[in-house]
């Protein structure tokens, strides 16, 4: 989605430069100027427009982390119980 927003900004900026509404850069820096301007515009747009997806992904990841921690604690407890049982038995 971020790539799509960047490509859209890149096309829009290139169109504005071709129309003369945005300066074309200095000398041969036209391509670098267009890419840099598209990056500067697309960064805050993607931050705002992709907020919902970012929050959903964060919740999924935090749920996985909690599950992994619970499994690790269960395995640790199981190993401790087996070790304690082995030490008690002669």
Protein backbone atom coordinates (compact mmCIF):
# COMPACT_ATOMS: atom_id res chain seq x y z
CA UNK A 1 0.00 0.00 0.00
CA UNK A 2 2.88 2.35 0.77
CA UNK A 3 4.39 1.61 -2.61
CA UNK A 4 1.08 2.41 -4.27
CA UNK A 5 0.86 5.74 -2.46
CA UNK A 6 4.45 6.53 -3.45
CA UNK A 7 3.84 5.64 -7.11
CA UNK A 8 0.69 7.77 -7.13
CA UNK A 9 2.63 10.71 -5.68
CA UNK A 10 5.45 10.12 -8.16
CA UNK A 11 3.03 10.24 -11.10
CA UNK A 12 1.31 13.34 -9.71
CA UNK A 13 4.58 15.19 -9.08
CA UNK A 14 5.93 14.23 -12.52
CA UNK A 15 2.72 15.54 -14.08
CA UNK A 16 2.94 18.80 -12.15
CA UNK A 17 6.59 19.24 -13.17
CA UNK A 18 5.71 18.59 -16.82
CA UNK A 19 2.91 21.17 -16.64
CA UNK A 20 5.32 23.66 -15.09
CA UNK A 21 3.37 24.10 -11.85
CA UNK A 22 6.27 22.73 -9.79
CA UNK A 23 9.92 23.69 -10.43
CA UNK A 24 11.82 21.06 -12.42
CA UNK A 25 14.94 21.15 -10.27
CA UNK A 26 18.41 22.48 -11.01
CA UNK A 27 20.24 21.32 -14.11
CA UNK A 28 20.09 17.57 -14.64
CA UNK A 29 18.57 16.90 -11.19
CA UNK A 30 15.04 16.61 -12.56
CA UNK A 31 14.58 12.88 -11.83
CA UNK A 32 16.13 13.10 -8.37
CA UNK A 33 13.98 16.15 -7.58
CA UNK A 34 10.77 14.42 -8.66
CA UNK A 35 11.58 11.25 -6.66
CA UNK A 36 12.58 13.24 -3.56
CA UNK A 37 9.47 15.40 -3.71
CA UNK A 38 7.28 12.31 -4.17
CA UNK A 39 8.93 10.71 -1.10
CA UNK A 40 8.37 13.82 1.01
CA UNK A 41 4.71 13.97 0.00
CA UNK A 42 3.98 10.23 0.27
CA UNK A 43 5.48 9.76 3.77
CA UNK A 44 2.89 11.80 5.71
CA UNK A 45 0.10 10.59 3.41
CA UNK A 46 0.92 6.95 4.11
CA UNK A 47 1.20 7.69 7.83
CA UNK A 48 -2.32 9.12 7.88
CA UNK A 49 -4.01 6.91 5.29
CA UNK A 50 -2.59 3.60 6.53
CA UNK A 51 -3.23 4.19 10.25
CA UNK A 52 -6.05 1.65 10.45
CA UNK A 53 -3.99 -1.09 8.80
CA UNK A 54 -1.00 -0.30 11.03
CA UNK A 55 -3.15 -0.56 14.17
CA UNK A 56 -4.67 -3.87 13.05
CA UNK A 57 -1.22 -5.31 12.30
CA UNK A 58 0.05 -4.15 15.68
CA UNK A 59 -2.78 -5.94 17.45
CA UNK A 60 -2.09 -9.14 15.51
CA UNK A 61 1.60 -9.03 16.34
CA UNK A 62 1.02 -8.30 20.02
CA UNK A 63 -1.43 -11.22 20.18
CA UNK A 64 1.19 -13.52 18.67
CA UNK A 65 3.82 -12.31 21.12
CA UNK A 66 1.53 -12.99 24.09
CA UNK A 67 0.78 -16.47 22.76
CA UNK A 68 4.47 -17.22 22.23
CA UNK A 69 5.29 -16.05 25.77
CA UNK A 70 2.56 -18.27 27.21
CA UNK A 71 3.85 -21.29 25.28
CA UNK A 72 7.39 -20.58 26.41
CA UNK A 73 6.28 -20.30 30.05
CA UNK A 74 4.29 -23.55 29.76
CA UNK A 75 7.31 -25.34 28.27
CA UNK A 76 9.54 -23.94 30.97
CA UNK A 77 7.14 -25.11 33.71
CA UNK A 78 6.87 -28.54 32.11
CA UNK A 79 10.67 -28.90 31.98
CA UNK A 80 10.98 -27.75 35.60
CA UNK A 81 8.35 -30.27 36.71
CA UNK A 82 10.10 -33.10 34.85
CA UNK A 83 13.45 -32.08 36.34
CA UNK A 84 12.00 -31.93 39.86
CA UNK A 85 10.40 -35.35 39.41
CA UNK A 86 13.69 -36.81 38.17
CA UNK A 87 15.57 -35.43 41.18
CA UNK A 88 13.05 -36.82 43.68
CA UNK A 89 13.11 -40.32 42.16
CA UNK A 90 16.29 -42.24 43.06
